[in-house]
Protein backbone atom coordinates (compact mmCIF):
# COMPACT_ATOMS: atom_id res chain seq x y z
CA MET A 1 -22.91 8.55 135.39
CA ALA A 2 -25.78 10.30 136.48
CA GLN A 3 -29.35 8.86 137.05
CA ASP A 4 -32.38 10.93 136.44
CA PHE A 5 -34.62 9.22 139.87
CA GLU A 6 -38.06 10.49 139.95
CA ARG A 7 -41.51 10.08 142.16
CA THR A 8 -44.73 10.25 141.98
CA LEU A 9 -47.08 10.66 144.05
CA THR A 10 -51.45 9.82 143.84
CA LYS A 11 -54.01 10.58 146.53
CA ASP A 12 -57.19 9.17 146.96
CA ILE A 13 -57.23 6.06 144.82
CA ASP A 14 -60.53 3.81 145.22
CA ALA A 15 -61.94 0.75 143.64
CA SER A 16 -60.61 1.00 140.08
CA LEU A 17 -58.03 0.93 139.16
CA ALA A 18 -55.88 4.11 138.46
CA ASP A 19 -52.71 4.90 136.48
CA ILE A 20 -49.64 5.96 138.92
CA ARG A 21 -46.93 5.88 136.42
CA ALA A 22 -46.71 5.42 132.96
CA ALA A 23 -43.62 4.61 131.02
CA ALA A 24 -43.14 7.20 127.80
CA ASP A 25 -39.71 7.08 125.62
CA SER A 26 -37.94 4.65 127.74
CA ASP A 27 -37.90 2.15 130.03
CA ASP A 28 -38.08 3.28 133.87
CA ALA A 29 -37.17 1.39 136.26
CA ILE A 30 -39.46 1.03 139.57
CA VAL A 31 -36.73 1.17 142.75
CA GLY A 32 -40.15 1.76 145.78
CA ILE A 33 -43.61 1.57 146.09
CA ARG A 34 -45.46 2.50 148.91
CA LEU A 35 -49.12 2.52 149.54
CA ALA A 36 -50.80 4.28 152.61
CA ASN A 37 -54.13 3.83 154.12
CA THR A 38 -55.41 7.21 155.03
CA THR A 39 -58.69 5.71 156.28
CA THR A 40 -59.85 4.60 159.30
CA SER A 41 -60.50 1.23 158.54
CA SER A 42 -58.73 -1.98 156.79
CA ILE A 43 -58.27 -2.08 153.03
CA ASP A 44 -57.36 -4.58 150.54
CA VAL A 45 -55.44 -2.99 147.35
CA ASP A 46 -54.05 -4.50 144.24
CA VAL A 47 -50.96 -3.21 142.17
CA ALA A 48 -50.59 -4.54 139.23
CA VAL A 49 -48.67 -3.36 135.78
CA THR A 50 -50.57 -3.33 132.45
CA ASP A 51 -48.63 -4.49 129.17
CA SER A 52 -49.72 -1.92 126.45
CA SER A 53 -49.12 -3.87 123.81
CA ASN A 54 -51.00 -6.70 124.03
CA ASN A 55 -53.13 -4.79 127.01
CA VAL A 56 -51.99 -7.63 129.30
CA THR A 57 -51.94 -6.99 133.57
CA ALA A 58 -49.88 -8.61 135.39
CA TYR A 59 -50.45 -8.57 139.51
CA ILE A 60 -47.13 -7.60 141.78
CA ILE A 61 -49.94 -8.18 144.62
CA LYS A 62 -53.38 -8.54 144.74
CA GLY A 63 -55.34 -8.49 147.86
CA ALA A 64 -53.17 -7.45 150.60
CA PRO A 65 -54.81 -6.06 153.27
CA LEU A 66 -53.85 -2.55 154.23
CA PRO A 67 -54.87 -1.49 158.16
CA ALA A 68 -56.21 1.82 159.07
CA GLY A 69 -53.09 3.92 158.59
CA SER A 70 -50.64 1.12 157.89
CA SER A 71 -48.19 1.54 155.55
CA LEU A 72 -47.00 -0.53 152.65
CA GLU A 73 -43.45 -1.03 150.51
CA LEU A 74 -43.55 -3.24 147.66
CA ILE A 75 -40.27 -2.92 147.00
CA ASP A 76 -37.21 -3.75 148.63
CA GLY A 77 -33.90 -4.85 148.95
CA GLY A 78 -32.82 -3.78 145.87
CA ALA A 79 -35.90 -4.97 143.66
CA LYS A 80 -36.34 -3.32 140.35
CA ILE A 81 -39.48 -3.65 138.07
CA VAL A 82 -38.89 -2.22 134.58
CA LEU A 83 -41.60 -0.33 133.04
CA GLN A 84 -41.22 -0.58 128.92
CA SER A 85 -42.14 2.60 127.37
CA GLY A 86 -45.85 2.52 127.23
CA ASP A 87 -46.39 0.03 130.37
CA LYS A 88 -48.89 1.66 132.65
CA LEU A 89 -48.05 1.14 136.71
CA ARG A 90 -52.05 0.52 138.53
CA ALA A 91 -53.71 0.57 141.50
CA LYS A 92 -56.44 0.32 143.59
CA SER A 93 -58.57 -0.07 146.80
CA THR A 94 -61.69 -1.47 147.87
CA ALA A 95 -62.81 1.62 149.77
CA THR A 96 -63.59 5.02 148.39
CA ASP A 97 -60.51 7.54 148.10
CA SER A 98 -58.71 5.56 150.75
CA LEU A 99 -55.25 4.75 149.24
CA ASP A 100 -52.45 6.96 148.13
CA VAL A 101 -49.45 5.60 146.67
CA ILE A 102 -45.58 6.82 145.92
CA VAL A 103 -43.20 5.26 143.29
CA SER A 104 -39.87 6.55 143.22
CA ALA A 105 -37.98 5.57 139.41
CA VAL A 106 -34.99 5.62 137.45
CA ASP A 107 -36.02 7.41 134.07
CA SER A 108 -32.47 7.67 133.20
CA ILE A 109 -29.29 6.56 133.09
CA SER A 110 -26.51 9.22 131.10
CA THR A 111 -22.98 9.02 131.12
C-alpha cells in the first residue's frame, strides 16, 4: 500500500488568518504542523481549521506564545487531523511577517 505524502511551506504569516492548506477532492490527514517564529521578539500564534460547508472555524491552538527564534510542533505521538474536501488549515501571528509554517500530510492512500 503506497501513501502520497505531501508538504506545504508557508512563510511570513502575519495578523490575519492565512490559508496554509486546503483539502481538494479527497480527505487529507495532517500528520505534522511545525510553527517557527522568524523574528527577534515573542509572538502569539493561532492555528485553525475552517469548514467550508458551514463556515465554522475551530482552533487547534489559540494565542500560544512562541518565543523569538523558537518553534512549536502541534501534532505528535501519531496524532492526525483530517481535512475533508473544501476544509482549510489556517494560521496567524500577532506580528507582521513573523511566522513560518510547515505542514506534512497524507493526501491519499492507494493499494
